[in-house]
């Protein structure tokens, strides 16, 4: 049975998502963190859309926005770990790949995507350009930087394509969104 033909109701259980986020953040096995950092950004679009769900068994159903929680978890996974024993550039690189893939599959024109979220993701990608971590393999931060360079380019391409599809002739509003300190004179 294909996963896309299975009902998604069980997958929307907040306990499952909480377990995903916990594994990504704290699992001592780097291979698990790497896998979860990819899995969180490569699910079908409908898993990120707002839906009615139960946060706790004794609480009424409410809107759950997993897109926000997933992006927060992935952004946290892009940061260099405080504990040198847990530092894993592959997890950080995978999180960058997942962030840009997530933005590309969800799209920028969905009404439920907050503009601040787009800006936060872009800022996280820019922060990854400063990863100069080294270990016994050498400049492992370059793996993260390379992924970030490609992600920033794809992000800007997505933003420009969205503007073009929306009929926006002047891109300065969206550029201001992701680069607030840039000022234009037109």
Protein backbone atom coordinates (compact mmCIF):
# COMPACT_ATOMS: atom_id res chain seq x y z
CA UNK A 1 0.00 0.00 0.00
CA UNK A 2 1.36 3.40 -0.93
CA UNK A 3 1.83 5.84 1.90
CA UNK A 4 -0.04 8.52 -0.08
CA UNK A 5 -3.16 6.32 -0.14
CA UNK A 6 -3.15 5.77 3.62
CA UNK A 7 -5.30 7.98 5.83
CA UNK A 8 -3.27 10.73 7.47
CA UNK A 9 -5.37 11.03 10.61
CA UNK A 10 -2.99 9.01 12.79
CA UNK A 11 -0.01 10.95 11.49
CA UNK A 12 -1.51 14.21 12.73
CA UNK A 13 -1.27 12.98 16.32
CA UNK A 14 0.79 15.55 18.20
CA UNK A 15 2.53 12.81 20.21
CA UNK A 16 4.06 11.42 17.02
CA UNK A 17 5.32 14.86 15.99
CA UNK A 18 6.67 15.50 19.47
CA UNK A 19 8.64 12.26 19.24
CA UNK A 20 10.06 13.34 15.85
CA UNK A 21 11.17 16.68 17.26
CA UNK A 22 12.68 15.06 20.37
CA UNK A 23 14.70 12.56 18.30
CA UNK A 24 16.01 15.33 16.04
CA UNK A 25 17.02 17.47 19.01
CA UNK A 26 18.35 14.96 21.51
CA UNK A 27 18.97 11.48 20.12
CA UNK A 28 22.54 10.41 20.88
CA UNK A 29 22.74 8.52 17.58
CA UNK A 30 23.83 10.95 14.83
CA UNK A 31 22.39 8.69 12.12
CA UNK A 32 18.93 9.06 13.69
CA UNK A 33 19.26 12.85 13.84
CA UNK A 34 20.40 12.91 10.19
CA UNK A 35 17.46 10.81 9.09
CA UNK A 36 14.88 12.79 11.02
CA UNK A 37 16.32 16.07 9.76
CA UNK A 38 15.63 14.85 6.22
CA UNK A 39 12.30 13.21 6.96
CA UNK A 40 10.80 16.34 8.51
CA UNK A 41 11.36 18.41 5.37
CA UNK A 42 10.42 15.84 2.75
CA UNK A 43 6.89 14.84 3.71
CA UNK A 44 3.91 15.52 1.45
CA UNK A 45 2.50 19.04 1.57
CA UNK A 46 -0.73 18.05 3.31
CA UNK A 47 1.18 17.09 6.46
CA UNK A 48 2.21 20.71 6.96
CA UNK A 49 -1.16 22.33 6.25
CA UNK A 50 -3.25 23.53 9.20
CA UNK A 51 -5.87 21.02 10.26
CA UNK A 52 -8.15 20.15 13.12
CA UNK A 53 -6.32 18.07 15.67
CA UNK A 54 -6.19 17.07 19.28
CA UNK A 55 -3.26 18.51 21.23
CA UNK A 56 -4.13 16.62 24.39
CA UNK A 57 -6.70 13.91 25.02
CA UNK A 58 -8.62 16.05 27.53
CA UNK A 59 -8.60 19.22 25.39
CA UNK A 60 -10.97 20.09 22.53
CA UNK A 61 -9.82 19.88 18.91
CA UNK A 62 -8.00 22.95 17.71
CA UNK A 63 -6.05 24.12 14.66
CA UNK A 64 -2.56 22.68 14.63
CA UNK A 65 0.13 24.30 12.51
CA UNK A 66 2.92 21.78 12.12
CA UNK A 67 4.68 23.87 9.48
CA UNK A 68 5.77 26.34 12.16
CA UNK A 69 6.92 23.58 14.50
CA UNK A 70 8.77 21.69 11.77
CA UNK A 71 10.60 24.80 10.61
CA UNK A 72 11.56 25.66 14.19
CA UNK A 73 12.92 22.13 14.73
CA UNK A 74 14.86 22.23 11.46
CA UNK A 75 16.22 25.71 12.16
CA UNK A 76 17.42 24.51 15.56
CA UNK A 77 19.05 21.54 13.83
CA UNK A 78 21.06 23.91 11.59
CA UNK A 79 22.78 25.45 14.61
CA UNK A 80 26.14 24.21 15.84
CA UNK A 81 25.61 22.05 18.89
CA UNK A 82 27.03 23.28 22.22
CA UNK A 83 28.27 19.81 23.17
CA UNK A 84 31.33 18.98 21.02
CA UNK A 85 30.47 15.27 21.31
CA UNK A 86 27.10 15.85 19.63
CA UNK A 87 28.30 18.10 16.82
CA UNK A 88 27.18 16.65 13.53
CA UNK A 89 27.63 18.64 10.32
CA UNK A 90 25.63 16.08 8.35
CA UNK A 91 22.54 16.79 10.47
CA UNK A 92 23.01 20.53 9.97
CA UNK A 93 23.48 20.07 6.21
CA UNK A 94 20.41 17.81 6.00
CA UNK A 95 18.36 20.36 7.94
CA UNK A 96 19.31 23.05 5.39
CA UNK A 97 18.28 20.73 2.54
CA UNK A 98 14.99 20.04 4.33
CA UNK A 99 14.23 23.70 4.98
CA UNK A 100 14.51 24.70 1.34
CA UNK A 101 12.67 21.60 0.17
CA UNK A 102 9.90 22.33 2.66
CA UNK A 103 9.53 25.90 1.39
CA UNK A 104 9.54 24.72 -2.23
CA UNK A 105 6.84 22.04 -1.75
CA UNK A 106 4.61 24.17 0.44
CA UNK A 107 5.03 27.20 -1.81
CA UNK A 108 5.03 30.87 -1.00
CA UNK A 109 1.47 31.61 -2.07
CA UNK A 110 -0.40 29.58 0.54
CA UNK A 111 -2.56 31.81 2.67
CA UNK A 112 -1.65 29.92 5.84
CA UNK A 113 2.08 30.65 5.55
CA UNK A 114 3.12 33.54 7.73
CA UNK A 115 5.49 36.02 6.11
CA UNK A 116 7.61 36.07 9.28
CA UNK A 117 8.20 32.35 8.87
CA UNK A 118 9.63 32.90 5.39
CA UNK A 119 11.94 35.60 6.74
CA UNK A 120 13.03 33.39 9.65
CA UNK A 121 13.89 30.50 7.33
CA UNK A 122 15.89 32.82 5.09
CA UNK A 123 17.78 34.23 8.09
CA UNK A 124 18.60 30.71 9.26
CA UNK A 125 20.02 29.89 5.84
CA UNK A 126 22.17 32.99 5.97
CA UNK A 127 23.43 31.99 9.43
CA UNK A 128 24.52 28.64 7.99
CA UNK A 129 26.89 30.51 5.70
CA UNK A 130 28.96 31.18 8.84
CA UNK A 131 29.51 27.51 9.72
CA UNK A 132 33.27 27.10 9.81
CA UNK A 133 33.32 23.94 11.93
CA UNK A 134 36.26 21.62 11.68
CA UNK A 135 36.88 18.14 12.98
CA UNK A 136 39.28 15.30 12.16
CA UNK A 137 37.80 15.24 8.61
CA UNK A 138 38.74 18.87 7.98
CA UNK A 139 36.44 21.77 7.13
CA UNK A 140 33.12 20.00 7.69
CA UNK A 141 31.37 23.34 7.98
CA UNK A 142 31.89 23.68 4.24
CA UNK A 143 29.24 20.99 3.75
CA UNK A 144 26.74 23.18 5.57
CA UNK A 145 27.91 26.35 3.79
CA UNK A 146 27.60 24.68 0.38
CA UNK A 147 24.06 23.51 1.17
CA UNK A 148 23.22 27.01 2.42
CA UNK A 149 24.53 28.69 -0.73
CA UNK A 150 22.37 26.43 -2.89
CA UNK A 151 19.40 26.93 -0.57
CA UNK A 152 19.67 30.74 -0.62
CA UNK A 153 19.80 30.71 -4.42
CA UNK A 154 16.77 28.43 -4.66
CA UNK A 155 14.94 30.52 -2.07
CA UNK A 156 15.48 33.72 -4.06
CA UNK A 157 14.45 31.91 -7.27
CA UNK A 158 11.23 30.77 -5.53
CA UNK A 159 10.56 34.29 -4.29
CA UNK A 160 11.06 35.81 -7.74
CA UNK A 161 8.94 33.10 -9.40
CA UNK A 162 6.18 33.76 -6.87
CA UNK A 163 6.29 37.47 -7.63
CA UNK A 164 6.25 36.82 -11.37
CA UNK A 165 3.31 34.40 -11.07
CA UNK A 166 1.47 36.90 -8.87
CA UNK A 167 1.98 39.67 -11.41
CA UNK A 168 4.15 41.68 -9.05
CA UNK A 169 6.31 43.99 -11.14
CA UNK A 170 8.30 45.52 -8.30
CA UNK A 171 10.00 42.89 -6.16
CA UNK A 172 11.16 45.35 -3.52
CA UNK A 173 8.39 44.39 -1.06
CA UNK A 174 9.42 40.75 -0.96
CA UNK A 175 13.11 41.61 -1.00
CA UNK A 176 12.44 43.88 2.00
CA UNK A 177 10.78 40.92 3.70
CA UNK A 178 13.89 38.77 3.52
CA UNK A 179 16.46 41.55 3.60
CA UNK A 180 14.97 44.28 5.80
CA UNK A 181 18.16 46.37 5.97
CA UNK A 182 18.35 46.84 2.20
CA UNK A 183 16.83 50.11 1.04
CA UNK A 184 15.77 50.82 -2.54
CA UNK A 185 15.43 54.04 -4.43
CA UNK A 186 13.24 53.60 -7.46
